[in-house]
């Protein structure tokens, strides 16, 4: 389809080209912001094409997003992308030997405290608290900058869905010294902690003009009402867009409405249990009979992405923390196996257990045990933060009142609504 930019879009394309050609030495980051339907991605693609930059080449332009699913969506739409984490970090973890050493130091101090004087005991108790705090976090992997990152040779980095990038990650990205073009939507949710580092400053380009085609969409109209904290009326907004009351829609009906998105984790657990039962699945773990499962952790070695839906078949219980299954991705690709073989993979039970018996210590207790197995859980309902960066043809937004302020509420609802491509049912 031929793209004819509006005056605002043409000015944006020229501004991007002027920055990259003339001003990256004095301005490392160029911000292109716009609300849903304004064409941020389209004008960026055209600007880069006119600059003659080659996508994916070691010395060309690289694309990245905060979440694995957002990067996957970009790649499916023709723009190969990676997560920011995989692009600029490598993992550094404490070894079992290092962990044992800290445990030994704690044990020695505990044995020593009972037999020392009051003054020395005060210091030893403080030291003990410090070591115990270190031990509580030592199992968590730490990310360090990757000196071998492809970004070192790139001419330009384009970041999409940039509202999720926090201060620490932004500082690490800037440390590579490369020009960064960021695409942001100031109406979307910020990171889980803090604010979006790149969206706190004023944009160099702010697109406010909705495309004519996008402006005809009821989804965009409702998203705009949500962003402006205006009331969304109940009833039919077009053939595929409705607002209804939660009590009027049963779990059985939700199963036919598309991906369910909610705000709170507690709501997610409740909805998944209800929809699982409505689907006829009563067990704690998958049976391999078509349950909806979502991947919770990237496994680059297997081609699995955090936020990707999985189909598990031939499920077999194995041990206290895992079952095994043949795993197929939402793209229909069976992972593993050669020459048609059906390879089985271990899947972690813990997140399924949390739906029935929540345990705040489970993550820490099972950390080392689950490092080499697939992490997944029920995916009939997911939180809006998990959905960010993804889109579905049809969605149900289950409005459970998340948001401490009117601005928080507006951002949450706007982000959730804009995950829909065609059909939307808003429940409150």
Protein backbone atom coordinates (compact mmCIF):
# COMPACT_ATOMS: atom_id res chain seq x y z
CA UNK A 1 0.00 0.00 0.00
CA UNK A 2 1.31 3.45 -0.95
CA UNK A 3 1.99 5.67 2.06
CA UNK A 4 1.20 9.36 1.70
CA UNK A 5 2.19 11.14 4.91
CA UNK A 6 0.13 13.97 6.33
CA UNK A 7 1.82 17.32 6.89
CA UNK A 8 2.51 16.40 10.53
CA UNK A 9 3.95 13.03 9.55
CA UNK A 10 6.10 14.52 6.78
CA UNK A 11 7.56 17.01 9.28
CA UNK A 12 8.27 14.13 11.66
CA UNK A 13 10.10 12.14 8.96
CA UNK A 14 12.23 15.17 8.07
CA UNK A 15 12.98 15.83 11.76
CA UNK A 16 14.24 12.27 12.25
CA UNK A 17 16.45 12.50 9.16
CA UNK A 18 17.85 15.90 10.20
CA UNK A 19 18.68 14.64 13.70
CA UNK A 20 20.44 11.51 12.45
CA UNK A 21 22.35 13.32 9.71
CA UNK A 22 23.39 16.43 11.62
CA UNK A 23 22.88 16.30 15.38
CA UNK A 24 23.60 12.90 16.96
CA UNK A 25 26.96 14.19 18.26
CA UNK A 26 25.14 16.68 20.50
CA UNK A 27 21.85 14.79 21.01
CA UNK A 28 22.15 11.05 21.54
CA UNK A 29 18.40 10.36 21.98
CA UNK A 30 15.61 11.44 19.64
CA UNK A 31 12.08 10.95 20.95
CA UNK A 32 9.10 10.26 18.67
CA UNK A 33 5.94 10.03 20.73
CA UNK A 34 2.37 9.50 19.64
CA UNK A 35 -0.89 7.98 20.77
CA UNK A 36 -2.47 4.89 19.26
CA UNK A 37 -3.39 5.42 15.61
CA UNK A 38 -0.96 8.26 14.88
CA UNK A 39 1.51 6.20 12.82
CA UNK A 40 4.74 6.26 14.87
CA UNK A 41 6.02 2.98 13.44
CA UNK A 42 5.10 3.87 9.86
CA UNK A 43 6.86 7.24 9.79
CA UNK A 44 9.93 5.75 11.50
CA UNK A 45 10.18 2.99 8.91
CA UNK A 46 10.00 5.53 6.09
CA UNK A 47 12.59 7.83 7.67
CA UNK A 48 15.06 4.96 8.08
CA UNK A 49 14.47 3.81 4.50
CA UNK A 50 15.17 7.31 3.19
CA UNK A 51 18.36 7.43 5.27
CA UNK A 52 19.51 4.23 3.56
CA UNK A 53 20.20 2.33 6.79
CA UNK A 54 20.21 -1.46 6.56
CA UNK A 55 18.12 -3.27 9.17
CA UNK A 56 19.93 -6.01 11.10
CA UNK A 57 23.35 -5.41 9.57
CA UNK A 58 26.16 -5.27 12.13
CA UNK A 59 26.86 -1.66 11.14
CA UNK A 60 23.24 -0.76 10.37
CA UNK A 61 20.10 -0.18 12.44
CA UNK A 62 19.01 -2.50 15.25
CA UNK A 63 15.50 -2.70 16.73
CA UNK A 64 14.72 -3.70 20.30
CA UNK A 65 11.84 -3.70 22.76
CA UNK A 66 11.52 -4.21 26.49
CA UNK A 67 9.51 -7.44 26.40
CA UNK A 68 10.13 -10.60 24.45
CA UNK A 69 6.58 -10.61 23.12
CA UNK A 70 6.89 -7.02 21.85
CA UNK A 71 10.08 -7.98 20.00
CA UNK A 72 8.31 -11.03 18.59
CA UNK A 73 5.38 -8.90 17.34
CA UNK A 74 7.81 -6.51 15.65
CA UNK A 75 9.62 -9.41 13.98
CA UNK A 76 6.37 -10.95 12.72
CA UNK A 77 5.43 -7.60 11.16
CA UNK A 78 8.67 -7.55 9.16
CA UNK A 79 11.07 -5.70 11.47
CA UNK A 80 13.54 -8.14 13.08
CA UNK A 81 13.91 -7.16 16.72
CA UNK A 82 15.40 -8.45 19.97
CA UNK A 83 14.77 -7.71 23.63
CA UNK A 84 16.89 -4.99 25.17
CA UNK A 85 18.14 -7.54 27.70
CA UNK A 86 19.43 -9.95 25.06
CA UNK A 87 20.96 -7.09 23.06
CA UNK A 88 23.07 -5.42 25.76
CA UNK A 89 23.38 -7.76 28.76
CA UNK A 90 24.96 -11.04 29.68
CA UNK A 91 24.07 -13.00 32.82
CA UNK A 92 26.35 -13.17 35.85
CA UNK A 93 25.24 -15.53 38.61
CA UNK A 94 26.57 -16.65 41.97
CA UNK A 95 27.87 -20.20 41.82
CA UNK A 96 26.69 -22.88 44.28
CA UNK A 97 30.15 -22.69 45.89
CA UNK A 98 29.78 -18.94 46.50
CA UNK A 99 26.35 -19.48 48.04
CA UNK A 100 27.70 -22.21 50.32
CA UNK A 101 30.48 -19.89 51.47
CA UNK A 102 27.94 -17.25 52.58
CA UNK A 103 25.92 -19.93 54.39
CA UNK A 104 29.06 -21.10 56.21
CA UNK A 105 29.88 -17.52 57.26
CA UNK A 106 26.34 -17.15 58.64
CA UNK A 107 26.61 -20.44 60.56
CA UNK A 108 30.00 -19.45 62.01
CA UNK A 109 28.67 -16.09 63.17
CA UNK A 110 25.63 -17.64 64.80
CA UNK A 111 27.85 -20.05 66.71
CA UNK A 112 30.22 -17.22 67.70
CA UNK A 113 27.60 -14.73 68.91
CA UNK A 114 26.62 -16.77 71.97
CA UNK A 115 30.16 -16.68 73.41
CA UNK A 116 31.35 -13.10 72.79
CA UNK A 117 31.03 -9.88 74.78
CA UNK A 118 28.24 -7.35 74.40
CA UNK A 119 30.21 -4.83 72.30
CA UNK A 120 31.53 -7.47 69.90
CA UNK A 121 28.11 -9.11 69.79
CA UNK A 122 26.47 -5.91 68.51
CA UNK A 123 28.90 -5.78 65.57
CA UNK A 124 28.54 -9.51 64.88
CA UNK A 125 24.72 -9.27 64.86
CA UNK A 126 24.88 -6.40 62.39
CA UNK A 127 27.27 -8.42 60.23
CA UNK A 128 24.91 -11.40 60.47
CA UNK A 129 21.93 -9.34 59.27
CA UNK A 130 23.99 -8.10 56.32
CA UNK A 131 24.98 -11.64 55.32
CA UNK A 132 21.41 -12.93 55.66
CA UNK A 133 20.16 -10.10 53.46
CA UNK A 134 22.82 -10.95 50.88
CA UNK A 135 21.84 -14.63 50.98
CA UNK A 136 18.16 -13.77 50.41
CA UNK A 137 19.08 -12.18 47.05
CA UNK A 138 22.11 -14.21 46.04
CA UNK A 139 20.07 -16.72 44.03
CA UNK A 140 18.87 -13.98 41.66
CA UNK A 141 20.81 -13.63 38.40
CA UNK A 142 22.51 -10.30 37.84
CA UNK A 143 22.84 -8.71 34.44
CA UNK A 144 26.05 -6.99 33.40
CA UNK A 145 26.77 -5.09 30.22
CA UNK A 146 27.88 -7.32 27.38
CA UNK A 147 31.13 -6.01 25.91
CA UNK A 148 30.49 -8.18 22.83
CA UNK A 149 27.03 -6.71 22.10
CA UNK A 150 26.14 -6.13 18.44
CA UNK A 151 25.18 -2.60 19.47
CA UNK A 152 28.86 -1.66 19.65
CA UNK A 153 29.06 -1.61 15.82
CA UNK A 154 25.55 -0.30 15.05
CA UNK A 155 24.84 3.09 13.51
CA UNK A 156 21.40 3.44 15.11
CA UNK A 157 19.23 1.75 17.73
CA UNK A 158 15.43 2.00 17.53
CA UNK A 159 13.51 1.24 20.71
CA UNK A 160 9.78 0.50 20.53
CA UNK A 161 7.30 0.29 23.45
CA UNK A 162 9.77 2.48 25.33
CA UNK A 163 7.44 3.39 28.22
CA UNK A 164 8.59 0.22 30.06
CA UNK A 165 12.29 1.16 30.12
CA UNK A 166 13.45 2.33 33.56
CA UNK A 167 16.35 4.54 34.63
CA UNK A 168 18.97 1.81 35.11
CA UNK A 169 18.37 0.20 31.73
CA UNK A 170 18.31 3.61 30.01
CA UNK A 171 21.67 4.48 31.54
CA UNK A 172 23.14 1.21 30.30
CA UNK A 173 21.79 1.79 26.78
CA UNK A 174 23.28 5.27 26.69
CA UNK A 175 26.65 3.89 27.83
CA UNK A 176 27.20 2.37 24.37
CA UNK A 177 27.31 5.89 22.94
CA UNK A 178 25.09 5.06 19.93
CA UNK A 179 22.28 7.24 18.55
CA UNK A 180 18.95 6.02 19.92
CA UNK A 181 15.58 6.69 18.31
CA UNK A 182 12.84 5.94 20.84
CA UNK A 183 9.18 5.39 20.03
CA UNK A 184 6.86 6.04 22.93
CA UNK A 185 3.24 6.42 23.83
CA UNK A 186 2.87 8.74 26.85
CA UNK A 187 -0.57 7.28 27.50
CA UNK A 188 0.76 3.79 28.27
CA UNK A 189 1.73 2.18 31.56
CA UNK A 190 5.17 3.00 33.03
CA UNK A 191 7.52 0.31 34.37
CA UNK A 192 6.32 -1.71 37.37
CA UNK A 193 8.71 0.35 39.50
CA UNK A 194 9.32 4.05 38.86
CA UNK A 195 8.64 5.97 35.68
CA UNK A 196 9.70 5.45 32.08
CA UNK A 197 13.17 6.97 31.73
CA UNK A 198 12.72 8.00 28.10
CA UNK A 199 9.15 9.26 28.46
CA UNK A 200 9.87 11.73 31.27
CA UNK A 201 11.38 14.28 28.87
CA UNK A 202 9.55 16.30 26.27
CA UNK A 203 9.41 14.58 22.85
CA UNK A 204 11.21 15.92 19.81
CA UNK A 205 8.18 14.86 17.77
CA UNK A 206 4.68 14.46 19.21
CA UNK A 207 2.13 12.91 16.86
CA UNK A 208 -1.42 13.78 17.87
CA UNK A 209 -3.24 13.44 14.56
CA UNK A 210 -5.12 10.14 14.29
CA UNK A 211 -4.95 8.48 10.84
CA UNK A 212 -8.25 8.67 9.01
CA UNK A 213 -8.52 4.87 8.97
CA UNK A 214 -7.58 4.62 12.64
CA UNK A 215 -9.99 7.42 13.53
CA UNK A 216 -12.86 5.32 12.21
CA UNK A 217 -12.05 2.57 14.72
CA UNK A 218 -14.23 2.24 17.82
CA UNK A 219 -11.19 0.80 19.60
CA UNK A 220 -9.25 4.02 19.03
CA UNK A 221 -12.27 6.09 20.11
CA UNK A 222 -12.59 4.15 23.37
CA UNK A 223 -8.85 4.26 23.95
CA UNK A 224 -8.92 8.03 23.53
CA UNK A 225 -11.79 8.34 26.04
CA UNK A 226 -9.82 6.18 28.49
CA UNK A 227 -6.64 8.21 28.02
CA UNK A 228 -8.55 11.44 28.66
CA UNK A 229 -10.22 9.92 31.79
CA UNK A 230 -13.64 10.32 30.21
CA UNK A 231 -16.53 7.98 30.85
CA UNK A 232 -17.04 5.16 28.35
CA UNK A 233 -20.76 4.48 27.85
CA UNK A 234 -22.19 0.98 28.18
CA UNK A 235 -23.56 -0.64 25.08
CA UNK A 236 -22.55 -1.26 21.47
CA UNK A 237 -19.84 0.99 20.01
CA UNK A 238 -19.61 -0.90 16.73
CA UNK A 239 -20.23 -4.42 15.52
CA UNK A 240 -17.19 -5.74 17.38
CA UNK A 241 -16.79 -3.33 20.32
CA UNK A 242 -18.97 -3.44 23.45
CA UNK A 243 -18.97 -2.28 27.04
CA UNK A 244 -20.83 -4.50 29.50
CA UNK A 245 -21.10 -5.17 33.22
CA UNK A 246 -18.91 -7.89 34.67
CA UNK A 247 -21.83 -9.65 36.33
CA UNK A 248 -23.51 -10.08 32.95
CA UNK A 249 -20.67 -12.17 31.49
CA UNK A 250 -19.90 -15.69 32.75
CA UNK A 251 -16.51 -17.44 32.47
CA UNK A 252 -18.00 -19.70 29.77
CA UNK A 253 -18.74 -16.61 27.66
CA UNK A 254 -15.25 -15.16 28.27
CA UNK A 255 -13.76 -18.26 26.68
CA UNK A 256 -15.31 -17.22 23.36
CA UNK A 257 -14.35 -13.54 23.58
CA UNK A 258 -10.60 -13.60 22.98
CA UNK A 259 -7.67 -12.89 25.28
CA UNK A 260 -8.70 -11.71 28.76
CA UNK A 261 -6.66 -8.85 30.24
CA UNK A 262 -7.01 -7.71 33.85
CA UNK A 263 -5.16 -5.47 36.28
CA UNK A 264 -4.33 -7.36 39.45
CA UNK A 265 -2.51 -10.64 39.92
CA UNK A 266 -5.20 -11.79 42.36
CA UNK A 267 -7.80 -11.22 39.65
CA UNK A 268 -5.66 -13.12 37.16
CA UNK A 269 -5.54 -16.14 39.46
CA UNK A 270 -9.31 -16.06 40.05
CA UNK A 271 -10.17 -15.68 36.37
CA UNK A 272 -7.79 -18.43 35.29
CA UNK A 273 -9.30 -20.85 37.80
CA UNK A 274 -12.84 -19.95 36.71
CA UNK A 275 -12.09 -20.17 32.99
CA UNK A 276 -10.12 -23.39 33.45
CA UNK A 277 -13.12 -25.01 35.14
CA UNK A 278 -15.45 -23.60 32.49
CA UNK A 279 -13.25 -25.29 29.90
CA UNK A 280 -13.70 -28.61 31.69
CA UNK A 281 -10.20 -28.82 33.18
CA UNK A 282 -10.23 -29.60 36.91
CA UNK A 283 -6.63 -30.66 37.54
CA UNK A 284 -3.89 -28.57 39.14
CA UNK A 285 -1.59 -29.15 36.15
CA UNK A 286 -2.19 -29.28 32.39
CA UNK A 287 -3.46 -32.52 30.87
CA UNK A 288 -2.40 -31.87 27.28
CA UNK A 289 -6.00 -31.52 26.13
CA UNK A 290 -5.85 -27.99 24.74
CA UNK A 291 -5.46 -25.84 27.84
CA UNK A 292 -4.26 -22.26 27.33
CA UNK A 293 -0.65 -21.93 28.54
CA UNK A 294 1.64 -18.88 28.47
CA UNK A 295 5.45 -18.92 28.66
CA UNK A 296 6.90 -16.88 31.55
CA UNK A 297 10.59 -16.83 30.72
CA UNK A 298 12.70 -16.47 27.58
CA UNK A 299 14.51 -19.64 26.51
CA UNK A 300 16.55 -18.52 23.55
CA UNK A 301 18.05 -22.00 23.16
CA UNK A 302 14.55 -23.39 22.51
CA UNK A 303 13.04 -20.43 20.66
CA UNK A 304 10.65 -19.67 23.53
CA UNK A 305 9.73 -16.07 24.37
CA UNK A 306 8.27 -14.63 27.55
CA UNK A 307 4.59 -13.92 26.74
CA UNK A 308 4.35 -16.54 23.97
CA UNK A 309 1.47 -19.04 24.17
CA UNK A 310 2.31 -22.74 24.16
CA UNK A 311 0.48 -25.95 23.38
CA UNK A 312 1.45 -28.85 25.67
CA UNK A 313 0.69 -32.43 24.64
CA UNK A 314 1.61 -35.88 25.93
CA UNK A 315 1.85 -34.49 29.46
CA UNK A 316 3.43 -36.82 32.02
CA UNK A 317 4.06 -36.21 35.73
CA UNK A 318 7.76 -36.52 36.59
CA UNK A 319 8.71 -35.30 40.06
CA UNK A 320 7.93 -32.81 42.83
CA UNK A 321 8.62 -29.72 40.74
CA UNK A 322 8.03 -30.72 37.12
CA UNK A 323 6.05 -32.58 34.50
CA UNK A 324 7.15 -33.30 30.95
CA UNK A 325 5.39 -32.52 27.67
CA UNK A 326 5.83 -32.10 23.94
CA UNK A 327 5.84 -28.32 23.42
CA UNK A 328 4.50 -26.46 20.39
CA UNK A 329 4.65 -22.65 20.06
CA UNK A 330 1.73 -20.43 19.08
CA UNK A 331 3.26 -20.29 15.59
CA UNK A 332 2.79 -24.04 15.29
CA UNK A 333 6.49 -24.85 15.68
CA UNK A 334 7.30 -27.97 17.70
CA UNK A 335 10.43 -27.27 19.73
CA UNK A 336 13.30 -29.73 19.88
CA UNK A 337 13.55 -33.10 18.18
CA UNK A 338 15.20 -34.01 14.88
CA UNK A 339 13.93 -35.89 11.84
CA UNK A 340 10.36 -35.74 13.09
CA UNK A 341 11.16 -36.97 16.62
CA UNK A 342 8.89 -35.75 19.42
CA UNK A 343 11.20 -34.45 22.12
CA UNK A 344 9.84 -34.02 25.65
CA UNK A 345 10.70 -31.09 27.92
CA UNK A 346 10.37 -30.54 31.64
CA UNK A 347 7.91 -27.81 32.69
CA UNK A 348 7.92 -26.18 36.14
CA UNK A 349 4.90 -26.94 38.36
CA UNK A 350 5.30 -24.04 40.78
CA UNK A 351 3.28 -21.37 38.99
CA UNK A 352 0.40 -23.81 38.52
CA UNK A 353 0.61 -24.64 42.24
CA UNK A 354 0.31 -20.92 43.06
CA UNK A 355 -3.22 -20.92 41.65
CA UNK A 356 -4.22 -23.41 44.34
CA UNK A 357 -1.73 -22.95 47.20
CA UNK A 358 0.12 -19.62 46.98
CA UNK A 359 3.57 -19.77 48.58
CA UNK A 360 5.74 -16.62 48.77
CA UNK A 361 8.83 -18.75 49.46
CA UNK A 362 8.39 -20.99 46.42
CA UNK A 363 10.42 -18.84 44.03
CA UNK A 364 13.44 -18.72 46.32
CA UNK A 365 13.21 -22.37 47.33
CA UNK A 366 12.96 -23.67 43.76
CA UNK A 367 15.29 -21.20 42.04
CA UNK A 368 18.18 -23.54 41.31
CA UNK A 369 15.92 -26.52 40.65
CA UNK A 370 13.94 -24.79 37.90
CA UNK A 371 16.79 -23.06 36.08
CA UNK A 372 16.95 -25.63 33.30
CA UNK A 373 13.22 -26.25 32.84
CA UNK A 374 10.46 -24.33 31.03
CA UNK A 375 8.47 -21.85 33.11
CA UNK A 376 4.81 -21.44 32.14
CA UNK A 377 1.34 -21.01 33.62
CA UNK A 378 -2.35 -20.77 32.71
CA UNK A 379 -2.89 -18.03 30.14
CA UNK A 380 -6.65 -17.57 29.78
CA UNK A 381 -6.25 -14.32 31.74
CA UNK A 382 -3.09 -12.21 31.93
CA UNK A 383 -2.29 -8.86 33.50
CA UNK A 384 -2.02 -5.72 31.41
CA UNK A 385 1.69 -5.47 32.23
CA UNK A 386 2.21 -8.96 30.78
CA UNK A 387 0.12 -7.98 27.73
CA UNK A 388 2.09 -4.80 27.05
CA UNK A 389 3.79 -5.00 23.68
CA UNK A 390 1.35 -7.65 22.42
CA UNK A 391 -1.83 -7.44 20.38
CA UNK A 392 -4.72 -9.83 19.71
CA UNK A 393 -7.53 -9.76 17.19
CA UNK A 394 -10.11 -9.91 20.00
CA UNK A 395 -9.73 -9.15 23.70
CA UNK A 396 -11.81 -8.84 26.86
CA UNK A 397 -10.66 -6.12 29.27
CA UNK A 398 -11.74 -7.07 32.80
CA UNK A 399 -11.62 -3.76 34.65
CA UNK A 400 -10.91 -4.66 38.29
CA UNK A 401 -10.29 -1.08 39.41
CA UNK A 402 -6.50 -1.09 39.28
CA UNK A 403 -4.92 2.34 39.75
CA UNK A 404 -4.23 4.50 42.80
CA UNK A 405 -4.95 7.75 40.96
CA UNK A 406 -7.07 8.91 38.05
CA UNK A 407 -3.90 9.08 35.92
CA UNK A 408 -2.96 5.50 36.85
CA UNK A 409 -6.46 4.33 35.95
CA UNK A 410 -6.36 6.14 32.62
CA UNK A 411 -2.97 4.67 31.68
CA UNK A 412 -3.99 1.14 32.64
CA UNK A 413 -7.28 1.23 30.73
CA UNK A 414 -5.77 2.91 27.66
CA UNK A 415 -2.95 0.36 27.51
CA UNK A 416 -5.36 -2.56 27.90
CA UNK A 417 -7.80 -1.33 25.25
CA UNK A 418 -5.03 -0.73 22.70
CA UNK A 419 -4.04 -4.42 22.85
CA UNK A 420 -7.13 -5.11 20.65
CA UNK A 421 -6.87 -5.15 16.86
CA UNK A 422 -10.51 -5.76 15.90
CA UNK A 423 -12.82 -6.91 18.71
CA UNK A 424 -13.13 -5.56 22.24
CA UNK A 425 -15.43 -6.27 25.17
CA UNK A 426 -14.87 -3.94 28.12
CA UNK A 427 -16.19 -5.26 31.43
CA UNK A 428 -16.50 -3.20 34.62
